[in-house]
């Protein structure tokens, strides 16, 4: 393990947590992940209009702890639901796709 490997393992890793029960809280999710190391942050997005949870979230942990959590929790039961846990993909730049072309319009 070189210096770069050690430094990379200290960087925070963002974890995607899917299929969360709609009634679970950030505290519930944080407590679950704290079994594998220190949780830096935890966020459970809500629907803009209804304010209700969207059934997924993101947890940030040190890389080594994140890997342990991912391998241990993916597919595990949490409050009656099988979790999907993996490394979060980076956000795409540009904020959403535009509409497609109109195709074969006749004027």
N, C-alpha and C. Protein backbone atom coordinates (compact mmCIF):
# COMPACT_ATOMS: atom_id res chain seq x y z
N UNK A 1 0.86 -1.19 0.00
CA UNK A 1 0.00 0.00 0.00
C UNK A 1 0.89 1.24 0.00
N UNK A 2 0.81 2.04 -1.06
CA UNK A 2 1.62 3.24 -1.16
C UNK A 2 0.98 4.41 -0.44
N UNK A 3 1.70 5.54 -0.46
CA UNK A 3 1.20 6.74 0.21
C UNK A 3 -0.13 7.18 -0.40
N UNK A 4 -0.22 7.11 -1.75
CA UNK A 4 -1.46 7.53 -2.40
C UNK A 4 -2.64 6.65 -1.99
N UNK A 5 -2.39 5.33 -1.87
CA UNK A 5 -3.46 4.42 -1.44
C UNK A 5 -3.93 4.76 -0.04
N UNK A 6 -2.98 5.04 0.86
CA UNK A 6 -3.35 5.37 2.23
C UNK A 6 -4.12 6.68 2.28
N UNK A 7 -3.67 7.67 1.50
CA UNK A 7 -4.36 8.96 1.49
C UNK A 7 -5.77 8.81 0.92
N UNK A 8 -5.90 8.00 -0.14
CA UNK A 8 -7.22 7.81 -0.74
C UNK A 8 -8.18 7.13 0.22
N UNK A 9 -7.67 6.21 1.06
CA UNK A 9 -8.55 5.51 1.99
C UNK A 9 -9.04 6.43 3.10
N UNK A 10 -8.39 7.59 3.28
CA UNK A 10 -8.82 8.54 4.30
C UNK A 10 -9.87 9.52 3.77
N UNK A 11 -10.01 9.58 2.45
CA UNK A 11 -10.99 10.49 1.87
C UNK A 11 -12.39 9.97 2.13
N UNK A 12 -13.34 10.87 2.36
CA UNK A 12 -14.72 10.42 2.58
C UNK A 12 -15.29 9.76 1.32
N UNK A 13 -16.11 8.78 1.53
CA UNK A 13 -16.78 8.08 0.43
C UNK A 13 -18.27 8.26 0.63
N UNK A 14 -18.96 8.59 -0.45
CA UNK A 14 -20.41 8.77 -0.40
C UNK A 14 -21.08 7.46 -0.80
N UNK A 15 -22.01 7.01 0.04
CA UNK A 15 -22.69 5.73 -0.15
C UNK A 15 -24.16 5.98 -0.47
N UNK A 16 -24.65 5.31 -1.50
CA UNK A 16 -26.07 5.34 -1.83
C UNK A 16 -26.77 4.23 -1.05
N UNK A 17 -27.89 4.57 -0.41
CA UNK A 17 -28.68 3.59 0.34
C UNK A 17 -30.10 3.63 -0.23
N UNK A 18 -30.50 2.56 -0.89
CA UNK A 18 -31.81 2.50 -1.52
C UNK A 18 -32.75 1.52 -0.85
N UNK A 19 -34.02 1.65 -1.17
CA UNK A 19 -35.11 0.82 -0.65
C UNK A 19 -35.30 1.02 0.85
N UNK A 20 -35.09 2.25 1.29
CA UNK A 20 -35.31 2.56 2.71
C UNK A 20 -36.80 2.62 3.02
N UNK A 21 -37.19 2.18 4.21
CA UNK A 21 -38.59 2.34 4.61
C UNK A 21 -38.93 3.83 4.67
N UNK A 22 -40.11 4.19 4.26
CA UNK A 22 -40.49 5.61 4.22
C UNK A 22 -40.62 6.22 5.61
N UNK A 23 -40.74 5.39 6.64
CA UNK A 23 -40.89 5.94 7.99
C UNK A 23 -39.57 5.98 8.78
N UNK A 24 -38.45 5.59 8.17
CA UNK A 24 -37.19 5.64 8.91
C UNK A 24 -36.65 7.07 8.93
N UNK A 25 -35.79 7.35 9.89
CA UNK A 25 -35.23 8.70 10.07
C UNK A 25 -33.74 8.70 9.77
N UNK A 26 -33.16 9.90 9.66
CA UNK A 26 -31.72 10.03 9.49
C UNK A 26 -30.99 9.36 10.65
N UNK A 27 -31.54 9.50 11.86
CA UNK A 27 -30.91 8.89 13.03
C UNK A 27 -30.88 7.37 12.90
N UNK A 28 -31.98 6.78 12.41
CA UNK A 28 -32.03 5.32 12.21
C UNK A 28 -30.92 4.87 11.26
N UNK A 29 -30.78 5.58 10.15
CA UNK A 29 -29.79 5.21 9.14
C UNK A 29 -28.38 5.44 9.67
N UNK A 30 -28.15 6.57 10.34
CA UNK A 30 -26.83 6.85 10.92
C UNK A 30 -26.43 5.76 11.91
N UNK A 31 -27.35 5.38 12.78
CA UNK A 31 -27.06 4.34 13.77
C UNK A 31 -26.69 3.02 13.10
N UNK A 32 -27.40 2.68 12.03
CA UNK A 32 -27.11 1.45 11.31
C UNK A 32 -25.67 1.47 10.76
N UNK A 33 -25.28 2.59 10.16
CA UNK A 33 -23.95 2.68 9.54
C UNK A 33 -22.84 2.87 10.56
N UNK A 34 -23.15 3.43 11.73
CA UNK A 34 -22.13 3.64 12.76
C UNK A 34 -21.57 2.33 13.29
N UNK A 35 -22.25 1.22 13.04
CA UNK A 35 -21.71 -0.10 13.42
C UNK A 35 -20.44 -0.41 12.64
N UNK A 36 -20.20 0.30 11.52
CA UNK A 36 -19.06 0.02 10.65
C UNK A 36 -18.02 1.13 10.67
N UNK A 37 -18.26 2.19 11.42
CA UNK A 37 -17.31 3.29 11.52
C UNK A 37 -18.02 4.61 11.72
N UNK A 38 -17.25 5.67 11.69
CA UNK A 38 -17.78 7.01 11.95
C UNK A 38 -18.54 7.54 10.73
N UNK A 39 -19.76 7.99 10.97
CA UNK A 39 -20.58 8.59 9.90
C UNK A 39 -20.30 10.08 9.86
N UNK A 40 -19.86 10.57 8.71
CA UNK A 40 -19.57 11.99 8.54
C UNK A 40 -20.86 12.76 8.30
N UNK A 41 -21.72 12.22 7.44
CA UNK A 41 -23.01 12.86 7.19
C UNK A 41 -24.02 11.82 6.72
N UNK A 42 -25.29 12.18 6.86
CA UNK A 42 -26.38 11.32 6.42
C UNK A 42 -27.49 12.23 5.91
N UNK A 43 -28.01 11.94 4.73
CA UNK A 43 -29.08 12.75 4.16
C UNK A 43 -30.14 11.85 3.54
N UNK A 44 -31.40 12.12 3.85
CA UNK A 44 -32.52 11.40 3.27
C UNK A 44 -33.37 12.42 2.51
N UNK A 45 -33.22 12.48 1.18
CA UNK A 45 -33.98 13.47 0.40
C UNK A 45 -35.49 13.28 0.54
N UNK A 46 -36.20 14.40 0.48
CA UNK A 46 -37.66 14.37 0.54
C UNK A 46 -38.22 14.95 -0.75
N UNK A 47 -39.44 14.59 -1.05
CA UNK A 47 -40.14 15.11 -2.22
C UNK A 47 -40.39 16.60 -2.01
N UNK A 48 -40.08 17.41 -3.02
CA UNK A 48 -40.24 18.86 -2.89
C UNK A 48 -41.67 19.28 -2.63
N UNK A 49 -42.60 18.62 -3.27
CA UNK A 49 -44.00 19.03 -3.16
C UNK A 49 -44.68 18.48 -1.92
N UNK A 50 -44.49 17.19 -1.65
CA UNK A 50 -45.21 16.58 -0.52
C UNK A 50 -44.42 16.62 0.78
N UNK A 51 -43.09 16.75 0.68
CA UNK A 51 -42.25 16.73 1.88
C UNK A 51 -42.02 15.33 2.42
N UNK A 52 -42.54 14.32 1.74
CA UNK A 52 -42.39 12.94 2.20
C UNK A 52 -41.05 12.37 1.75
N UNK A 53 -40.50 11.42 2.52
CA UNK A 53 -39.23 10.78 2.14
C UNK A 53 -39.36 10.09 0.78
N UNK A 54 -38.24 10.02 0.06
CA UNK A 54 -38.25 9.42 -1.27
C UNK A 54 -37.77 7.97 -1.27
N UNK A 55 -37.41 7.43 -0.09
CA UNK A 55 -37.06 6.01 -0.01
C UNK A 55 -35.60 5.69 -0.27
N UNK A 56 -34.77 6.72 -0.32
CA UNK A 56 -33.33 6.48 -0.47
C UNK A 56 -32.58 7.56 0.27
N UNK A 57 -31.28 7.37 0.40
CA UNK A 57 -30.47 8.36 1.10
C UNK A 57 -29.00 8.21 0.77
N UNK A 58 -28.20 9.07 1.38
CA UNK A 58 -26.76 9.06 1.17
C UNK A 58 -26.08 9.16 2.53
N UNK A 59 -25.04 8.34 2.70
CA UNK A 59 -24.25 8.36 3.92
C UNK A 59 -22.81 8.59 3.50
N UNK A 60 -22.11 9.43 4.25
CA UNK A 60 -20.70 9.70 3.96
C UNK A 60 -19.86 9.16 5.10
N UNK A 61 -18.85 8.35 4.75
CA UNK A 61 -17.95 7.73 5.72
C UNK A 61 -16.54 7.73 5.14
N UNK A 62 -15.53 7.47 6.00
CA UNK A 62 -14.18 7.26 5.50
C UNK A 62 -14.21 6.06 4.57
N UNK A 63 -13.32 6.06 3.58
CA UNK A 63 -13.32 5.03 2.54
C UNK A 63 -13.30 3.61 3.09
N UNK A 64 -12.38 3.31 4.01
CA UNK A 64 -12.26 1.94 4.54
C UNK A 64 -13.54 1.52 5.27
N UNK A 65 -14.11 2.43 6.07
CA UNK A 65 -15.36 2.13 6.77
C UNK A 65 -16.50 1.96 5.79
N UNK A 66 -16.51 2.79 4.75
CA UNK A 66 -17.57 2.72 3.73
C UNK A 66 -17.55 1.37 3.04
N UNK A 67 -16.37 0.88 2.70
CA UNK A 67 -16.27 -0.43 2.03
C UNK A 67 -16.83 -1.54 2.92
N UNK A 68 -16.52 -1.47 4.22
CA UNK A 68 -17.06 -2.48 5.16
C UNK A 68 -18.58 -2.40 5.20
N UNK A 69 -19.11 -1.18 5.28
CA UNK A 69 -20.56 -1.00 5.37
C UNK A 69 -21.24 -1.49 4.10
N UNK A 70 -20.69 -1.17 2.94
CA UNK A 70 -21.28 -1.59 1.67
C UNK A 70 -21.33 -3.11 1.59
N UNK A 71 -20.20 -3.76 1.87
CA UNK A 71 -20.16 -5.22 1.73
C UNK A 71 -21.04 -5.91 2.77
N UNK A 72 -21.22 -5.29 3.93
CA UNK A 72 -22.03 -5.92 4.99
C UNK A 72 -23.52 -5.65 4.85
N UNK A 73 -23.89 -4.45 4.38
CA UNK A 73 -25.30 -4.05 4.42
C UNK A 73 -26.08 -4.25 3.12
N UNK A 74 -25.38 -4.38 2.00
CA UNK A 74 -26.11 -4.54 0.73
C UNK A 74 -26.93 -5.83 0.78
N UNK A 75 -28.23 -5.70 0.57
CA UNK A 75 -29.15 -6.84 0.58
C UNK A 75 -29.68 -7.20 1.96
N UNK A 76 -29.17 -6.54 3.01
CA UNK A 76 -29.61 -6.86 4.37
C UNK A 76 -30.98 -6.25 4.67
N UNK A 77 -31.71 -6.92 5.55
CA UNK A 77 -33.02 -6.44 5.97
C UNK A 77 -32.87 -5.27 6.94
N UNK A 78 -33.61 -4.20 6.71
CA UNK A 78 -33.64 -3.05 7.60
C UNK A 78 -35.09 -2.61 7.72
N UNK A 79 -35.65 -2.78 8.89
CA UNK A 79 -37.06 -2.44 9.16
C UNK A 79 -38.00 -3.07 8.12
N UNK A 80 -37.71 -4.33 7.77
CA UNK A 80 -38.59 -5.07 6.88
C UNK A 80 -38.32 -4.90 5.39
N UNK A 81 -37.25 -4.20 5.02
CA UNK A 81 -36.94 -4.01 3.60
C UNK A 81 -35.49 -4.38 3.32
N UNK A 82 -35.25 -5.01 2.17
CA UNK A 82 -33.89 -5.38 1.77
C UNK A 82 -33.20 -4.15 1.18
N UNK A 83 -32.13 -3.71 1.82
CA UNK A 83 -31.43 -2.50 1.39
C UNK A 83 -30.61 -2.72 0.13
N UNK A 84 -30.49 -1.67 -0.66
CA UNK A 84 -29.54 -1.60 -1.76
C UNK A 84 -28.47 -0.61 -1.31
N UNK A 85 -27.24 -1.08 -1.16
CA UNK A 85 -26.17 -0.23 -0.65
C UNK A 85 -24.98 -0.34 -1.59
N UNK A 86 -24.56 0.79 -2.16
CA UNK A 86 -23.39 0.80 -3.02
C UNK A 86 -22.75 2.18 -3.03
N UNK A 87 -21.61 2.27 -3.69
CA UNK A 87 -20.92 3.55 -3.79
C UNK A 87 -21.76 4.48 -4.66
N UNK A 88 -21.99 5.68 -4.15
CA UNK A 88 -22.81 6.65 -4.89
C UNK A 88 -22.05 7.10 -6.13
N UNK A 89 -22.78 7.24 -7.22
CA UNK A 89 -22.19 7.77 -8.44
C UNK A 89 -22.11 9.28 -8.33
N UNK A 90 -21.07 9.87 -8.91
CA UNK A 90 -20.99 11.34 -8.86
C UNK A 90 -22.16 11.97 -9.60
N UNK A 91 -22.56 13.13 -9.11
CA UNK A 91 -23.65 13.85 -9.78
C UNK A 91 -23.22 14.26 -11.17
N UNK A 92 -24.17 14.18 -12.10
CA UNK A 92 -23.87 14.65 -13.45
C UNK A 92 -23.97 16.17 -13.46
N UNK A 93 -23.08 16.78 -14.21
CA UNK A 93 -23.13 18.24 -14.35
C UNK A 93 -24.27 18.60 -15.30
N UNK A 94 -24.85 19.75 -15.12
CA UNK A 94 -25.81 20.25 -16.09
C UNK A 94 -27.25 20.20 -15.68
N UNK A 95 -27.60 19.57 -14.61
CA UNK A 95 -28.95 19.65 -14.06
C UNK A 95 -30.08 19.16 -14.94
N UNK A 96 -30.02 17.95 -15.40
CA UNK A 96 -31.18 17.36 -16.08
C UNK A 96 -31.10 17.48 -17.58
N UNK A 97 -31.80 16.60 -18.24
CA UNK A 97 -31.77 16.58 -19.69
C UNK A 97 -32.86 17.45 -20.28
N UNK A 98 -32.61 17.91 -21.47
CA UNK A 98 -33.62 18.70 -22.17
C UNK A 98 -34.53 17.78 -22.97
N UNK A 99 -35.54 18.36 -23.55
CA UNK A 99 -36.46 17.57 -24.37
C UNK A 99 -35.80 17.18 -25.67
N UNK A 100 -36.30 16.13 -26.27
CA UNK A 100 -35.76 15.67 -27.55
C UNK A 100 -36.29 16.52 -28.69
N UNK A 101 -35.78 16.27 -29.87
CA UNK A 101 -36.22 17.00 -31.05
C UNK A 101 -37.65 16.62 -31.43
N UNK A 102 -38.29 17.44 -32.23
CA UNK A 102 -39.69 17.22 -32.58
C UNK A 102 -39.93 16.14 -33.61
N UNK A 103 -38.96 15.80 -34.40
CA UNK A 103 -39.12 14.76 -35.42
C UNK A 103 -40.27 15.03 -36.38
N UNK A 104 -40.13 14.77 -37.59
CA UNK A 104 -41.11 14.81 -38.67
C UNK A 104 -42.32 15.73 -38.46
N UNK A 105 -42.05 16.98 -38.20
CA UNK A 105 -43.16 17.94 -38.06
C UNK A 105 -43.53 18.46 -39.44
N UNK A 106 -44.79 18.66 -39.62
CA UNK A 106 -45.24 19.24 -40.90
C UNK A 106 -45.90 20.57 -40.61
N UNK A 107 -45.51 21.55 -41.34
CA UNK A 107 -46.01 22.91 -41.10
C UNK A 107 -47.11 23.22 -42.01
